[in-house]
Amino acid sequence: MRTRLVRIASLFTSTASIAAAVLGLASRPALAQGGSGPAQQAEKPSSAAPPGKPKAGAASPPGGASVAAPKSSAGASRAGAKQKAPEPPPLAPAPARVWLIAPSPQGPWTLRIDNEGERPMRIPADVRLLRLEIDTLNKRTKKTVRCAAPAGLKPSGFPERRALLLAPGQSYMEHFDPRLLCFGKDEAALAGGSVVRTWYGWGPPPKWSRKAPAPPFAAESTDAPPAFAPAPGLAAPTIVLSYDLPSKKEAAGDQDGAEPPPRSGGEQAQPSAAAAQPPGDKAAQPSEDKAAQPSGDKAPQPSGDKAAQPPGGAGSSAEPIVDANAPRLELKSEPFSDAASPRSIVVRVSARNAGKRPMIVAIRPRMLEFHVAGPNGTTVCEASPPTGAIPRDLYRTLKPGASADLSLLLREVCPADTFAREGLYEVTATLHANEPGTGLGIDAYTATVAADTPTLLRVKSAPEPFYAAAPRAVPTPKPEPAERDADAD
């Protein structure tokens, strides 16, 4: 029994010693985490290199101590390897200058591009690359009108056929009709006092874009490497359209109220209307003004001349009586027509009875004649001659103010090569109402009536290109002495 108690006591003692050992280990953090203390780390063979064999990558100082290599030198070498090469200085802008010369609102205008640099340049010599922004002064419709060539007419890329090399001191000049760009309703913006801003070429890249401008270019260097930076577009100085002011020569002749020099016989120059009269028709010439005669002279009195007889007498040269209420035709055509090709050119004409009484008339499309003025010159599309075979039901009665409308494809009446080129045309219509209806017992109205205003026609696509000849450079025009003096002041 005593032996059993001794064994139990020894068992409790061993258990208490084990618990105390476990509690002691838990109280030491290094041992609880499974790590080793400083002393144990010093006893491990892998914790330090032997005295005679330093670690790889470590530099041994002269004293023999093992010291780690500094990291600053390695970082500096990596930074030097990643550093970019210095960028070249930016190129100077293209020394090209664009001018828009507009003597009058309706044209013709002139496009001029100068090379003001010291090296040659390459430009697209094409007026269809112009874009206009026009600020009108009309208070009711005050707005900005943007004029440009349509998509079918404007080159989509650089027109290689119109590439022109300009040497220093050379220019390109081209005359054009501004209605080619401001077509249709936009033509109303071409008025005196309108402010015109001009851009030539293609639009610049957006302001937020950091990429270099991509071709096509309105001006670029011909050197390699380039002598100046390429320009996608060029801006011209802003201009204000005039009010059809007289030319410089006319203004110089009218200064100080100077009158034109007298003729050799001491007689003052007569107005242009009198000068336009035939020399043999003395009766048609107006009587001379007494105020225009020199002092002391009297106008010669006609003796025995028929023109001196009172009006209404025998042989009187008075103007014939005109019946203002009689029926008469007025012809009007549409102001403008835009056609994609020569096959789709349609002109619409309206014949209106502008008199006060009704009329009987035969109006057929074949009676229309067209005068076409375009890039290839003037062409006449003739009307058909009278046939005398029109049936009675084709004669119509036009009351006062009534009209007859006609639409006609010009390719049916005009020669095949009339609209062979792209561009702008003016088409003037003339109606030959030449069927009197005598065989039918009808007293029909007959006359030849021309339209008051022509139809402005724009053809976007045609067999022949817009330009018939290659561009050429000319010496840059020098300013006149008066302009140089004004610039100096």
Protein backbone atom coordinates (compact mmCIF):
# COMPACT_ATOMS: atom_id res chain seq x y z
CA MET A 1 0.00 0.00 0.00
CA ARG A 2 2.75 2.32 0.92
CA THR A 3 4.50 1.44 -2.29
CA ARG A 4 1.45 2.39 -4.32
CA LEU A 5 1.21 5.78 -2.64
CA VAL A 6 4.86 6.50 -3.41
CA ARG A 7 4.31 5.66 -7.06
CA ILE A 8 1.26 7.93 -7.25
CA ALA A 9 3.17 10.79 -5.66
CA SER A 10 6.05 10.35 -8.07
CA LEU A 11 3.58 10.34 -10.93
CA PHE A 12 2.07 13.63 -9.81
CA THR A 13 5.54 15.10 -9.42
CA SER A 14 6.55 14.18 -12.95
CA THR A 15 3.27 15.56 -14.30
CA ALA A 16 3.83 18.88 -12.54
CA SER A 17 7.38 19.12 -13.87
CA ILE A 18 6.14 18.52 -17.43
CA ALA A 19 3.46 21.22 -17.05
CA ALA A 20 6.02 23.66 -15.69
CA ALA A 21 8.28 22.96 -18.64
CA VAL A 22 5.47 23.51 -21.08
CA LEU A 23 4.50 26.79 -19.41
CA GLY A 24 8.11 27.96 -19.56
CA LEU A 25 8.34 27.32 -23.27
CA ALA A 26 5.12 29.18 -23.92
CA SER A 27 6.43 32.22 -22.06
CA ARG A 28 9.37 32.56 -24.51
CA PRO A 29 8.15 34.04 -27.92
CA ALA A 30 11.11 32.84 -29.90
CA LEU A 31 10.53 29.28 -28.83
CA ALA A 32 6.75 29.46 -29.05
CA GLN A 33 6.96 30.57 -32.70
CA GLY A 34 9.35 27.78 -33.56
CA GLY A 35 12.26 30.19 -34.15
CA SER A 36 15.72 30.19 -32.65
CA GLY A 37 17.30 32.75 -30.36
CA PRO A 38 20.40 34.82 -31.09
CA ALA A 39 22.64 32.27 -29.46
CA GLN A 40 21.20 29.37 -31.40
CA GLN A 41 21.46 31.36 -34.64
CA ALA A 42 25.14 31.92 -33.97
CA GLU A 43 25.62 28.13 -33.49
CA LYS A 44 24.00 27.23 -36.86
CA PRO A 45 26.61 26.65 -39.59
CA SER A 46 24.47 28.16 -42.38
CA SER A 47 23.85 31.48 -40.59
CA ALA A 48 27.34 32.89 -41.31
CA ALA A 49 29.95 32.21 -43.96
CA PRO A 50 33.33 30.77 -42.97
CA PRO A 51 36.07 33.30 -42.34
CA GLY A 52 38.02 32.41 -45.47
CA LYS A 53 35.04 31.99 -47.88
CA PRO A 54 32.83 35.06 -48.19
CA LYS A 55 29.38 34.82 -49.73
CA ALA A 56 28.89 35.41 -53.42
CA GLY A 57 27.98 39.01 -54.22
CA ALA A 58 29.78 40.32 -51.11
CA ALA A 59 32.81 42.58 -51.31
CA SER A 60 35.74 41.87 -48.95
CA PRO A 61 37.27 45.02 -47.52
CA PRO A 62 41.03 45.27 -47.07
CA GLY A 63 40.69 44.30 -43.39
CA GLY A 64 39.21 40.90 -44.28
CA ALA A 65 35.72 41.55 -42.88
CA SER A 66 32.74 40.40 -44.90
CA VAL A 67 30.50 43.37 -45.91
CA ALA A 68 27.45 43.31 -48.27
CA ALA A 69 27.80 45.27 -51.56
CA PRO A 70 25.88 48.55 -51.77
CA LYS A 71 22.65 48.51 -53.89
CA SER A 72 22.90 52.13 -55.11
CA SER A 73 25.39 51.36 -57.87
CA ALA A 74 23.18 48.61 -59.36
CA GLY A 75 20.11 50.88 -59.28
CA ALA A 76 22.01 53.66 -60.99
CA SER A 77 23.11 51.31 -63.79
CA ARG A 78 19.50 50.16 -64.36
CA ALA A 79 18.22 53.78 -64.47
CA GLY A 80 20.87 54.69 -67.00
CA ALA A 81 19.85 51.77 -69.20
CA LYS A 82 16.15 52.79 -69.14
CA GLN A 83 16.79 56.52 -69.85
CA LYS A 84 15.47 57.57 -73.34
CA ALA A 85 17.58 59.23 -75.96
CA PRO A 86 17.14 63.02 -76.21
CA GLU A 87 14.34 64.03 -78.60
CA PRO A 88 15.20 66.24 -81.61
CA PRO A 89 14.06 69.86 -81.49
CA PRO A 90 10.61 70.53 -83.02
CA LEU A 91 10.47 71.59 -86.65
CA ALA A 92 9.43 75.05 -87.73
CA PRO A 93 5.89 75.44 -89.16
CA ALA A 94 5.38 75.24 -92.91
CA PRO A 95 6.22 78.62 -94.54
CA ALA A 96 3.13 78.50 -96.78
CA ARG A 97 0.66 81.37 -96.90
CA VAL A 98 -2.86 81.22 -98.31
CA TRP A 99 -4.67 84.26 -99.66
CA LEU A 100 -8.30 84.62 -100.70
CA ILE A 101 -8.85 87.62 -102.99
CA ALA A 102 -12.53 88.59 -103.39
CA PRO A 103 -13.03 91.86 -105.33
CA SER A 104 -16.83 91.46 -105.27
CA PRO A 105 -19.27 89.16 -103.46
CA GLN A 106 -20.37 87.32 -106.61
CA GLY A 107 -16.90 86.58 -107.94
CA PRO A 108 -14.77 85.58 -109.57
CA TRP A 109 -12.44 85.06 -106.61
CA THR A 110 -8.78 84.10 -106.59
CA LEU A 111 -6.98 81.47 -104.51
CA ARG A 112 -3.28 82.14 -103.99
CA ILE A 113 -0.68 80.02 -102.15
CA ASP A 114 2.82 81.47 -101.59
CA ASN A 115 6.04 79.72 -100.61
CA GLU A 116 7.64 82.22 -98.24
CA GLY A 117 10.42 79.89 -97.07
CA GLU A 118 13.90 79.06 -98.28
CA ARG A 119 13.24 75.44 -99.29
CA PRO A 120 10.78 73.96 -101.81
CA MET A 121 7.45 72.50 -100.74
CA ARG A 122 4.73 70.24 -102.12
CA ILE A 123 1.09 71.34 -102.15
CA PRO A 124 -2.21 70.10 -103.63
CA ALA A 125 -3.23 72.75 -106.19
CA ASP A 126 -6.97 72.19 -105.97
CA VAL A 127 -9.56 74.84 -105.16
CA ARG A 128 -12.03 72.15 -104.08
CA LEU A 129 -10.10 71.82 -100.81
CA LEU A 130 -11.32 75.24 -99.65
CA ARG A 131 -13.74 75.59 -96.76
CA LEU A 132 -15.47 78.89 -95.99
CA GLU A 133 -17.19 80.10 -92.83
CA ILE A 134 -19.26 83.20 -93.58
CA ASP A 135 -20.86 85.39 -90.91
CA THR A 136 -23.78 87.27 -92.44
CA LEU A 137 -25.01 90.67 -91.29
CA ASN A 138 -28.70 90.05 -91.84
CA LYS A 139 -30.36 90.75 -88.50
CA ARG A 140 -33.25 88.38 -89.17
CA THR A 141 -31.14 85.46 -90.33
CA LYS A 142 -27.86 86.21 -88.61
CA LYS A 143 -25.92 82.96 -88.65
CA THR A 144 -22.72 81.32 -89.79
CA VAL A 145 -22.87 79.62 -93.18
CA ARG A 146 -20.33 76.88 -93.90
CA CYS A 147 -19.50 76.37 -97.56
CA ALA A 148 -17.49 73.49 -98.99
CA ALA A 149 -17.41 71.23 -102.01
CA PRO A 150 -19.76 68.22 -101.76
CA ALA A 151 -18.46 64.74 -101.09
CA GLY A 152 -18.75 63.64 -104.70
CA LEU A 153 -16.77 66.62 -105.98
CA LYS A 154 -14.14 67.10 -103.28
CA PRO A 155 -11.08 64.79 -103.40
CA SER A 156 -11.20 62.16 -100.67
CA GLY A 157 -7.39 62.06 -100.39
CA PHE A 158 -4.40 63.90 -101.76
CA PRO A 159 -5.03 64.60 -105.48
CA GLU A 160 -1.83 63.27 -106.99
CA ARG A 161 -2.63 64.79 -110.38
CA ARG A 162 -2.72 68.21 -108.75
CA ALA A 163 0.55 67.85 -106.84
CA LEU A 164 2.65 70.96 -107.37
CA LEU A 165 6.23 71.68 -106.24
CA LEU A 166 6.70 75.31 -105.28
CA ALA A 167 10.20 76.72 -105.20
CA PRO A 168 11.04 79.60 -102.84
CA GLY A 169 9.44 82.76 -104.17
CA GLN A 170 6.82 80.95 -106.25
CA SER A 171 3.02 80.88 -105.93
CA TYR A 172 -0.02 79.05 -107.20
CA MET A 173 -3.00 81.14 -108.33
CA GLU A 174 -6.44 79.99 -109.48
CA HIS A 175 -9.62 81.92 -110.30
CA PHE A 176 -12.89 80.31 -109.29
CA ASP A 177 -16.57 81.00 -108.80
CA PRO A 178 -17.49 81.08 -105.07
CA ARG A 179 -20.88 79.59 -105.90
CA LEU A 180 -19.09 76.31 -106.51
CA LEU A 181 -18.71 76.08 -102.72
CA CYS A 182 -21.65 78.23 -101.54
CA PHE A 183 -24.26 76.50 -103.66
CA GLY A 184 -28.03 76.76 -103.53
CA LYS A 185 -29.42 78.56 -100.51
CA ASP A 186 -25.91 79.25 -99.19
CA GLU A 187 -25.38 81.67 -102.07
CA ALA A 188 -27.36 84.28 -100.12
CA ALA A 189 -24.40 84.57 -97.72
CA LEU A 190 -22.28 86.05 -100.51
CA ALA A 191 -23.26 89.65 -99.80
CA GLY A 192 -21.52 92.88 -98.94
CA GLY A 193 -20.32 93.14 -95.35
CA SER A 194 -20.13 89.38 -94.74
CA VAL A 195 -17.07 88.16 -92.84
CA VAL A 196 -15.28 85.23 -94.51
CA ARG A 197 -12.88 82.86 -92.73
CA THR A 198 -11.01 80.46 -95.01
CA TRP A 199 -9.38 77.08 -94.39
CA TYR A 200 -7.46 75.21 -97.07
CA GLY A 201 -6.73 71.49 -96.94
CA TRP A 202 -7.72 68.98 -94.30
CA GLY A 203 -8.60 69.48 -90.67
CA PRO A 204 -5.84 69.46 -88.00
CA PRO A 205 -5.76 66.65 -85.39
CA PRO A 206 -7.81 67.22 -82.23
CA LYS A 207 -6.24 69.30 -79.49
CA TRP A 208 -6.30 66.38 -77.07
CA SER A 209 -4.42 64.10 -79.48
CA ARG A 210 -0.67 63.68 -78.89
CA LYS A 211 -0.02 61.88 -82.15
CA ALA A 212 1.90 63.49 -84.95
CA PRO A 213 -0.26 64.77 -87.83
CA ALA A 214 -0.91 62.13 -90.47
CA PRO A 215 -1.16 62.68 -94.23
CA PRO A 216 -2.64 64.02 -96.42
CA PHE A 217 -0.98 67.42 -96.02
CA ALA A 218 -1.73 70.82 -97.53
CA ALA A 219 1.97 71.74 -97.41
CA GLU A 220 4.96 69.48 -96.79
CA SER A 221 8.72 69.61 -97.29
CA THR A 222 10.42 67.90 -100.23
CA ASP A 223 13.67 67.35 -98.27
CA ALA A 224 14.73 64.26 -96.31
CA PRO A 225 14.90 64.89 -93.41
CA PRO A 226 12.17 67.52 -93.74
CA ALA A 227 13.10 71.18 -93.46
CA PHE A 228 9.81 72.10 -91.76
CA ALA A 229 6.82 70.42 -90.20
CA PRO A 230 4.00 69.27 -92.50
CA ALA A 231 0.68 71.14 -92.29
CA PRO A 232 -2.64 69.28 -92.70
CA GLY A 233 -4.36 72.61 -93.38
CA LEU A 234 -3.66 76.31 -93.83
CA ALA A 235 -5.74 79.26 -92.63
CA ALA A 236 -6.09 82.40 -94.74
CA PRO A 237 -6.52 85.91 -93.31
CA THR A 238 -10.11 86.84 -92.53
CA ILE A 239 -11.69 89.17 -95.09
CA VAL A 240 -14.86 91.25 -95.35
CA LEU A 241 -16.76 91.23 -98.63
CA SER A 242 -17.16 94.59 -100.31
CA TYR A 243 -20.31 96.21 -101.68
CA ASP A 244 -19.22 96.11 -105.34
CA LEU A 245 -17.04 99.19 -104.98
CA PRO A 246 -15.55 100.69 -108.16
CA SER A 247 -12.11 99.62 -109.27
CA LYS A 248 -8.98 101.63 -108.49
CA LYS A 249 -8.77 103.05 -112.00
CA GLU A 250 -12.35 104.28 -111.90
CA ALA A 251 -11.86 105.78 -108.45
CA ALA A 252 -8.69 107.54 -109.59
CA GLY A 253 -10.50 109.02 -112.62
CA ASP A 254 -13.34 110.38 -110.47
CA GLN A 255 -11.19 112.09 -107.84
CA ASP A 256 -11.90 115.75 -107.03
CA GLY A 257 -15.02 115.66 -109.21
CA ALA A 258 -12.93 115.79 -112.38
CA GLU A 259 -14.91 115.53 -115.59
CA PRO A 260 -13.76 113.52 -118.59
CA PRO A 261 -11.68 115.47 -121.14
CA PRO A 262 -13.65 117.17 -123.94
CA ARG A 263 -13.63 115.93 -127.48
CA SER A 264 -11.52 117.46 -130.22
CA GLY A 265 -14.34 119.75 -131.39
CA GLY A 266 -14.80 121.26 -127.93
CA GLU A 267 -17.96 119.20 -127.36
CA GLN A 268 -18.51 117.44 -124.06
CA ALA A 269 -18.68 113.65 -124.08
CA GLN A 270 -22.20 112.35 -124.34
CA PRO A 271 -23.64 109.61 -122.12
CA SER A 272 -23.03 106.02 -123.11
CA ALA A 273 -26.66 105.56 -124.20
CA ALA A 274 -26.25 108.26 -126.86
CA ALA A 275 -22.92 106.87 -127.95
CA ALA A 276 -24.52 103.47 -128.45
CA GLN A 277 -26.89 104.79 -131.12
CA PRO A 278 -26.05 104.03 -134.76
CA PRO A 279 -24.33 106.99 -136.47
CA GLY A 280 -26.79 107.06 -139.35
CA ASP A 281 -29.96 107.18 -137.24
CA LYS A 282 -30.12 110.85 -136.31
CA ALA A 283 -33.78 110.73 -135.38
CA ALA A 284 -33.13 108.14 -132.69
CA GLN A 285 -30.46 110.25 -130.99
CA PRO A 286 -31.63 112.30 -128.00
CA SER A 287 -31.47 116.06 -128.18
CA GLU A 288 -28.37 117.60 -126.70
CA ASP A 289 -28.60 119.26 -123.34
CA LYS A 290 -28.12 123.03 -123.39
CA ALA A 291 -26.24 122.87 -120.11
CA ALA A 292 -23.65 120.70 -121.78
CA GLN A 293 -22.94 123.28 -124.52
CA PRO A 294 -20.01 125.68 -124.10
CA SER A 295 -20.88 129.20 -123.03
CA GLY A 296 -21.79 131.51 -125.89
CA ASP A 297 -22.71 128.67 -128.27
CA LYS A 298 -26.20 127.62 -129.19
CA ALA A 299 -27.38 124.26 -130.26
CA PRO A 300 -28.14 124.09 -133.99
CA GLN A 301 -31.84 124.18 -134.74
CA PRO A 302 -33.06 121.41 -137.03
CA SER A 303 -34.64 122.67 -140.26
CA GLY A 304 -36.93 120.51 -142.32
CA ASP A 305 -36.22 117.42 -140.26
CA LYS A 306 -39.01 114.93 -139.70
CA ALA A 307 -37.96 114.51 -136.10
CA ALA A 308 -39.00 118.13 -135.48
CA GLN A 309 -42.62 117.44 -136.39
CA PRO A 310 -45.07 117.14 -133.51
CA PRO A 311 -46.02 113.63 -132.41
CA GLY A 312 -49.05 112.15 -134.09
CA GLY A 313 -48.45 113.91 -137.40
CA ALA A 314 -47.66 112.31 -140.70
CA GLY A 315 -44.39 110.43 -140.65
CA SER A 316 -44.11 110.73 -136.88
CA SER A 317 -41.33 108.67 -135.23
CA ALA A 318 -43.18 108.35 -131.91
CA GLU A 319 -42.93 105.00 -130.07
CA PRO A 320 -45.69 102.49 -130.89
CA ILE A 321 -48.51 102.03 -128.45
CA VAL A 322 -48.05 99.06 -126.15
CA ASP A 323 -51.03 97.19 -124.71
CA ALA A 324 -49.97 96.46 -121.13
CA ASN A 325 -53.04 94.24 -120.59
CA ALA A 326 -52.34 91.95 -123.53
CA PRO A 327 -51.45 88.33 -122.76
CA ARG A 328 -47.73 87.65 -122.61
CA LEU A 329 -45.50 84.88 -121.35
CA GLU A 330 -42.77 85.08 -118.73
CA LEU A 331 -40.29 82.24 -118.43
CA LYS A 332 -38.63 81.31 -115.14
CA SER A 333 -36.31 78.44 -114.40
CA GLU A 334 -35.26 77.01 -111.05
CA PRO A 335 -32.33 78.94 -109.53
CA PHE A 336 -30.05 75.95 -108.99
CA SER A 337 -29.80 72.23 -109.70
CA ASP A 338 -27.35 69.74 -108.19
CA ALA A 339 -26.65 66.63 -110.28
CA ALA A 340 -24.60 63.57 -109.41
CA SER A 341 -23.79 62.86 -113.09
CA PRO A 342 -24.71 64.14 -116.56
CA ARG A 343 -27.41 61.49 -116.81
CA SER A 344 -29.37 62.96 -113.91
CA ILE A 345 -29.40 66.64 -114.95
CA VAL A 346 -32.97 67.91 -114.79
CA VAL A 347 -34.04 71.51 -115.43
CA ARG A 348 -37.50 72.72 -114.43
CA VAL A 349 -39.06 75.65 -116.27
CA SER A 350 -42.31 77.53 -115.65
CA ALA A 351 -44.11 79.61 -118.33
CA ARG A 352 -46.56 82.09 -116.80
CA ASN A 353 -49.17 84.35 -118.35
CA ALA A 354 -48.15 87.77 -117.01
CA GLY A 355 -50.85 89.65 -118.92
CA LYS A 356 -54.35 90.68 -117.94
CA ARG A 357 -56.20 88.59 -120.53
CA PRO A 358 -56.23 84.86 -121.20
CA MET A 359 -54.31 83.22 -124.03
CA ILE A 360 -54.38 80.04 -126.07
CA VAL A 361 -50.92 78.57 -126.48
CA ALA A 362 -49.16 75.29 -127.17
CA ILE A 363 -46.21 74.64 -124.86
CA ARG A 364 -44.17 71.47 -125.37
CA PRO A 365 -40.75 70.41 -123.96
CA ARG A 366 -39.27 70.23 -127.48
CA MET A 367 -39.84 74.00 -127.79
CA LEU A 368 -37.19 74.73 -125.17
CA GLU A 369 -33.72 75.87 -126.16
CA PHE A 370 -30.80 75.96 -123.69
CA HIS A 371 -27.61 78.02 -123.73
CA VAL A 372 -25.04 76.20 -121.58
CA ALA A 373 -21.92 78.04 -120.37
CA GLY A 374 -19.48 75.76 -118.63
CA PRO A 375 -15.82 74.77 -118.27
CA ASN A 376 -15.60 73.64 -121.89
CA GLY A 377 -17.16 76.80 -123.32
CA THR A 378 -20.68 77.62 -124.53
CA THR A 379 -23.03 75.11 -126.12
CA VAL A 380 -26.48 75.71 -127.60
CA CYS A 381 -29.06 72.95 -127.20
CA GLU A 382 -31.45 73.91 -129.99
CA ALA A 383 -35.22 73.58 -129.91
CA SER A 384 -37.23 71.67 -132.51
CA PRO A 385 -38.73 73.63 -135.43
CA PRO A 386 -42.52 74.04 -135.72
CA THR A 387 -44.35 71.06 -137.16
CA GLY A 388 -47.91 72.37 -137.62
CA ALA A 389 -49.18 68.95 -136.55
CA ILE A 390 -50.07 69.55 -132.92
CA PRO A 391 -53.58 68.27 -132.13
CA ARG A 392 -56.24 70.51 -130.73
CA ASP A 393 -56.20 69.01 -127.26
CA LEU A 394 -52.55 70.05 -126.74
CA TYR A 395 -53.47 73.72 -126.98
CA ARG A 396 -54.24 75.04 -123.52
CA THR A 397 -55.86 78.19 -122.23
CA LEU A 398 -53.77 80.09 -119.69
CA LYS A 399 -55.72 82.53 -117.59
CA PRO A 400 -53.95 85.63 -116.18
CA GLY A 401 -51.43 84.46 -113.62
CA ALA A 402 -51.70 80.78 -114.63
CA SER A 403 -48.55 78.86 -115.57
CA ALA A 404 -47.41 75.71 -117.31
CA ASP A 405 -44.52 73.74 -115.74
CA LEU A 406 -42.04 71.68 -117.73
CA SER A 407 -39.24 69.31 -116.63
CA LEU A 408 -36.61 68.17 -119.06
CA LEU A 409 -33.57 65.89 -119.01
CA LEU A 410 -30.81 67.88 -120.67
CA ARG A 411 -29.08 64.78 -121.97
CA GLU A 412 -32.06 64.31 -124.31
CA VAL A 413 -31.68 67.68 -126.05
CA CYS A 414 -27.99 68.59 -125.62
CA PRO A 415 -24.94 67.11 -127.37
CA ALA A 416 -23.26 64.20 -125.63
CA ASP A 417 -20.14 66.15 -124.61
CA THR A 418 -21.95 69.20 -123.21
CA PHE A 419 -21.49 68.14 -119.58
CA ALA A 420 -18.36 66.03 -120.01
CA ARG A 421 -16.48 67.78 -117.18
CA GLU A 422 -17.16 68.17 -113.51
CA GLY A 423 -17.85 71.65 -112.27
CA LEU A 424 -20.24 74.58 -112.46
CA TYR A 425 -22.53 75.43 -115.39
CA GLU A 426 -25.00 78.21 -116.19
CA VAL A 427 -28.03 77.07 -118.17
CA THR A 428 -30.31 79.71 -119.72
CA ALA A 429 -33.64 78.47 -121.08
CA THR A 430 -35.53 79.99 -124.04
CA LEU A 431 -39.07 79.03 -125.06
CA HIS A 432 -40.01 79.05 -128.74
CA ALA A 433 -43.82 79.05 -128.76
CA ASN A 434 -44.01 78.63 -132.53
CA GLU A 435 -47.25 76.76 -133.17
CA PRO A 436 -49.91 79.30 -134.31
CA GLY A 437 -52.63 76.69 -134.89
CA THR A 438 -53.67 78.14 -138.21
CA GLY A 439 -54.67 74.76 -139.66
CA LEU A 440 -57.04 74.18 -136.74
CA GLY A 441 -58.67 77.59 -136.96
CA ILE A 442 -56.99 78.74 -133.70
CA ASP A 443 -55.31 82.05 -133.13
CA ALA A 444 -52.65 80.78 -130.72
CA TYR A 445 -50.06 82.90 -128.96
CA THR A 446 -46.58 82.75 -130.50
CA ALA A 447 -43.40 84.32 -129.14
CA THR A 448 -39.80 83.64 -128.21
CA VAL A 449 -39.28 84.16 -124.48
CA ALA A 450 -35.99 83.82 -122.60
CA ALA A 451 -35.69 83.19 -118.88
CA ASP A 452 -34.80 86.19 -116.73
CA THR A 453 -32.10 84.38 -114.75
CA PRO A 454 -30.09 81.26 -115.60
CA THR A 455 -30.09 78.01 -113.67
CA LEU A 456 -26.88 77.34 -111.78
CA LEU A 457 -25.96 73.70 -112.33
CA ARG A 458 -23.30 71.74 -110.44
CA VAL A 459 -22.14 68.38 -111.79
CA LYS A 460 -20.34 66.27 -109.17
CA SER A 461 -19.13 63.42 -111.37
CA ALA A 462 -18.38 63.32 -115.10
CA PRO A 463 -16.18 61.40 -117.57
CA GLU A 464 -13.59 64.19 -117.63
CA PRO A 465 -11.90 65.49 -114.44
CA PHE A 466 -12.50 68.86 -112.86
CA TYR A 467 -9.21 70.24 -114.23
CA ALA A 468 -8.26 69.94 -117.87
CA ALA A 469 -4.59 70.95 -117.48
CA ALA A 470 -1.85 70.35 -114.93
CA PRO A 471 -1.11 73.11 -112.41
CA ARG A 472 1.86 75.40 -112.81
CA ALA A 473 3.74 77.72 -110.51
CA VAL A 474 4.18 81.43 -111.13
CA PRO A 475 6.47 84.02 -109.52
CA THR A 476 4.98 85.48 -106.37
CA PRO A 477 3.29 88.79 -107.27
CA LYS A 478 4.94 91.79 -105.72
CA PRO A 479 2.77 94.36 -103.95
CA GLU A 480 2.05 97.57 -105.76
CA PRO A 481 3.89 100.74 -104.62
CA ALA A 482 0.73 102.16 -103.05
CA GLU A 483 0.23 98.99 -101.00
CA ARG A 484 3.87 99.04 -99.84
CA ASP A 485 3.54 102.64 -98.72
CA ALA A 486 0.35 101.83 -96.84
CA ASP A 487 2.04 98.90 -95.08
CA ALA A 488 4.99 101.13 -94.17
CA ASP A 489 2.69 103.72 -92.61
